[in-house]
Amino acid sequence: MEKEYYIVEGDTRVGPLSISQLSEKGIEPTTLVWTAGMADWTRADNVAELAPLLANRMRINERESAFGHYAQPQQQAPARPYQQPQQYGAYNNQNQSGSSTSSGNWKTLAIVATVCGFLFSCIGGIIGIFAILQANKAEEATRRGDFYSSQNSWSSCKTLTIISFVLTGIGLVFNVFYISSIISELGAL
């Protein structure tokens, strides 16, 4: 069976397409493509199987223009990767650089900060709740494949968790000081 590819035209995913159908579409080297087994979308000129197709296309473009392949400026690839088709189950928990976007440790720390915050400082506990909500938002964005939003939410979770711990620490110091002053007053009686 011939390999089938998906391409991106504008903001729309098109496919599956055979190599002959890709040839009819006239894909460019900068066209984003994906097929089963690929980790993420990539430019067509990065796929060895499409090199003959692109070589033919470049010769046609050079004949059509007096300036050869320099006539048109290179198109920029979209800033966000496109999700792979769900029929292949191609879910990838990695961003474009290949590093994992999951930050479960910050969610755990946010929960600890919330519990400690309510023990020693109510405001620390409240901010901890917001940190947990940001962690949940980040996990949902990761499930959707929206790594940009995921990273932003993890960053917010981290910041809110740190603030919660700082306020909890201040509350702990205040409570220790307050309890020690009560004990010293009782000892004076």
Protein backbone atom coordinates (compact mmCIF):
# COMPACT_ATOMS: atom_id res chain seq x y z
CA MET A 1 0.00 0.00 0.00
CA GLU A 2 1.32 3.44 -0.95
CA LYS A 3 2.11 5.81 1.89
CA GLU A 4 -0.45 8.57 2.39
CA TYR A 5 0.42 12.09 3.45
CA TYR A 6 -1.43 15.01 4.99
CA ILE A 7 -0.51 18.57 4.01
CA VAL A 8 -1.40 22.02 5.31
CA GLU A 9 -3.00 24.47 2.87
CA GLY A 10 -3.53 27.83 4.52
CA ASP A 11 -4.79 26.83 7.97
CA THR A 12 -6.49 23.63 6.82
CA ARG A 13 -5.24 20.06 7.00
CA VAL A 14 -5.80 18.22 3.69
CA GLY A 15 -5.48 14.48 3.17
CA PRO A 16 -4.79 11.69 3.11
CA LEU A 17 -3.06 12.10 -0.27
CA SER A 18 -0.89 9.70 -2.27
CA ILE A 19 2.41 10.90 -3.76
CA SER A 20 0.73 11.25 -7.18
CA GLN A 21 -1.98 13.41 -5.59
CA LEU A 22 0.72 15.50 -3.91
CA SER A 23 2.29 16.00 -7.32
CA GLU A 24 -1.07 17.20 -8.72
CA LYS A 25 -1.42 19.62 -5.80
CA GLY A 26 1.98 21.08 -6.66
CA ILE A 27 3.42 21.12 -3.16
CA GLU A 28 6.34 23.42 -2.42
CA PRO A 29 9.46 22.68 -0.35
CA THR A 30 7.94 24.76 2.48
CA THR A 31 4.61 22.87 2.50
CA LEU A 32 4.03 21.24 5.88
CA VAL A 33 3.51 17.46 5.60
CA TRP A 34 2.81 14.56 7.96
CA THR A 35 2.40 10.80 7.58
CA ALA A 36 1.99 7.90 9.97
CA GLY A 37 5.22 7.26 11.86
CA MET A 38 6.34 10.91 11.91
CA ALA A 39 6.63 12.59 15.32
CA ASP A 40 5.40 15.97 14.10
CA TRP A 41 4.65 18.05 11.01
CA THR A 42 7.70 18.98 8.92
CA ARG A 43 8.50 20.82 5.72
CA ALA A 44 8.24 18.75 2.54
CA ASP A 45 11.91 19.33 1.74
CA ASN A 46 12.81 17.46 4.96
CA VAL A 47 11.13 14.25 3.74
CA ALA A 48 13.47 12.14 1.59
CA GLU A 49 10.57 10.32 -0.17
CA LEU A 50 9.27 13.64 -1.52
CA ALA A 51 12.63 14.86 -2.89
CA PRO A 52 11.98 13.67 -6.50
CA LEU A 53 8.57 15.33 -6.46
CA LEU A 54 10.05 18.61 -5.21
CA ALA A 55 12.95 18.46 -7.71
CA ASN A 56 10.42 18.27 -10.58
CA ARG A 57 8.44 21.14 -9.07
CA MET A 58 11.55 23.34 -8.72
CA ARG A 59 12.49 22.80 -12.40
CA ILE A 60 8.96 23.86 -13.40
CA ASN A 61 9.16 26.98 -11.20
CA GLU A 62 12.54 27.95 -12.65
CA ARG A 63 11.16 27.73 -16.19
CA GLU A 64 8.13 29.86 -15.25
CA SER A 65 10.20 32.70 -13.80
CA ALA A 66 13.05 34.72 -15.21
CA PHE A 67 14.58 34.83 -11.74
CA GLY A 68 14.45 31.07 -11.09
CA HIS A 69 13.57 29.92 -7.62
CA TYR A 70 14.56 33.33 -6.16
CA ALA A 71 11.47 35.02 -7.64
CA GLN A 72 9.22 34.39 -4.64
CA PRO A 73 10.27 34.93 -1.02
CA GLN A 74 10.29 31.84 1.19
CA GLN A 75 7.07 31.32 3.14
CA GLN A 76 7.40 31.08 6.90
CA ALA A 77 6.08 27.95 8.56
CA PRO A 78 3.25 28.57 11.05
CA ALA A 79 4.39 29.31 14.60
CA ARG A 80 2.36 26.45 16.11
CA PRO A 81 2.59 22.82 15.04
CA TYR A 82 -0.57 21.22 13.71
CA GLN A 83 -2.06 18.22 15.41
CA GLN A 84 -1.67 14.89 13.70
CA PRO A 85 -4.87 13.19 12.53
CA GLN A 86 -6.52 11.33 15.41
CA GLN A 87 -7.15 8.18 13.37
CA TYR A 88 -3.49 7.19 13.82
CA GLY A 89 -3.49 7.98 17.53
CA ALA A 90 -0.47 10.14 16.92
CA TYR A 91 -0.46 12.09 20.14
CA ASN A 92 2.90 13.45 21.11
CA ASN A 93 3.60 15.00 24.51
CA GLN A 94 6.57 16.97 23.20
CA ASN A 95 6.95 20.50 21.98
CA GLN A 96 8.85 21.58 18.83
CA SER A 97 12.25 21.36 20.54
CA GLY A 98 11.53 17.75 21.58
CA SER A 99 11.36 18.40 25.31
CA SER A 100 8.39 17.26 27.32
CA THR A 101 5.80 19.87 28.22
CA SER A 102 4.50 18.00 31.22
CA SER A 103 5.35 19.65 34.57
CA GLY A 104 3.49 17.45 37.02
CA ASN A 105 5.92 18.39 39.80
CA TRP A 106 4.55 21.94 39.82
CA LYS A 107 1.02 20.62 40.21
CA THR A 108 2.10 18.51 43.18
CA LEU A 109 3.91 21.50 44.70
CA ALA A 110 0.83 23.66 44.11
CA ILE A 111 -1.29 21.16 46.07
CA VAL A 112 1.25 21.11 48.93
CA ALA A 113 1.40 24.93 48.91
CA THR A 114 -2.39 25.11 49.07
CA VAL A 115 -2.66 22.76 52.05
CA CYS A 116 0.18 24.48 53.93
CA GLY A 117 -1.24 27.85 52.94
CA PHE A 118 -4.56 27.09 54.60
CA LEU A 119 -2.75 25.86 57.72
CA PHE A 120 -0.65 28.98 58.21
CA SER A 121 -1.98 31.73 55.94
CA CYS A 122 -5.39 31.78 54.26
CA ILE A 123 -4.19 34.01 51.43
CA GLY A 124 -1.41 31.51 50.65
CA GLY A 125 -4.04 28.77 50.38
CA ILE A 126 -6.22 30.83 48.07
CA ILE A 127 -3.30 31.60 45.75
CA GLY A 128 -2.41 27.89 45.84
CA ILE A 129 -5.89 27.09 44.51
CA PHE A 130 -5.24 29.38 41.55
CA ALA A 131 -1.92 27.58 40.97
CA ILE A 132 -3.77 24.22 40.85
CA LEU A 133 -6.27 25.66 38.36
CA GLN A 134 -3.39 26.82 36.12
CA ALA A 135 -1.85 23.33 36.33
CA ASN A 136 -5.15 21.78 35.22
CA LYS A 137 -5.39 24.31 32.38
CA ALA A 138 -1.84 23.42 31.29
CA GLU A 139 -2.59 19.68 31.30
CA GLU A 140 -5.69 20.23 29.19
CA ALA A 141 -3.76 22.37 26.69
CA THR A 142 -1.12 19.63 26.45
CA ARG A 143 -3.84 17.04 25.73
CA ARG A 144 -5.14 19.26 22.92
CA GLY A 145 -1.63 19.65 21.51
CA ASP A 146 -1.54 23.40 22.20
CA PHE A 147 2.00 23.50 23.59
CA TYR A 148 2.25 27.30 23.56
CA SER A 149 -0.74 27.68 25.92
CA SER A 150 0.52 24.75 27.96
CA GLN A 151 3.88 26.40 28.57
CA ASN A 152 2.22 29.69 29.52
CA SER A 153 -0.08 27.95 32.00
CA TRP A 154 2.81 25.98 33.55
CA SER A 155 4.71 29.23 33.94
CA SER A 156 1.73 30.83 35.71
CA CYS A 157 1.35 27.73 37.91
CA LYS A 158 5.02 27.94 38.89
CA THR A 159 4.78 31.65 39.76
CA LEU A 160 1.58 31.23 41.80
CA THR A 161 3.01 28.21 43.64
CA ILE A 162 6.11 30.16 44.65
CA ILE A 163 3.99 33.09 45.83
CA SER A 164 1.82 30.69 47.82
CA PHE A 165 4.87 29.17 49.51
CA VAL A 166 6.27 32.63 50.34
CA LEU A 167 2.98 33.75 51.90
CA THR A 168 2.76 30.44 53.77
CA GLY A 169 6.27 30.99 55.13
CA ILE A 170 5.38 34.51 56.26
CA GLY A 171 2.23 33.14 57.91
CA LEU A 172 4.26 30.42 59.64
CA VAL A 173 6.75 32.97 61.02
CA PHE A 174 3.91 35.20 62.20
CA ASN A 175 2.12 32.25 63.87
CA VAL A 176 5.31 31.08 65.61
CA PHE A 177 5.96 34.63 66.87
CA TYR A 178 2.33 35.00 68.02
CA ILE A 179 2.25 31.63 69.82
CA SER A 180 5.63 32.27 71.49
CA SER A 181 4.40 35.67 72.73
CA ILE A 182 1.27 34.03 74.20
CA ILE A 183 3.38 31.35 75.91
CA SER A 184 5.74 33.97 77.34
CA GLU A 185 2.75 35.94 78.70
CA LEU A 186 1.29 32.81 80.28
CA GLY A 187 4.70 32.03 81.79
CA ALA A 188 4.83 35.53 83.33
CA LEU A 189 1.55 34.94 85.16
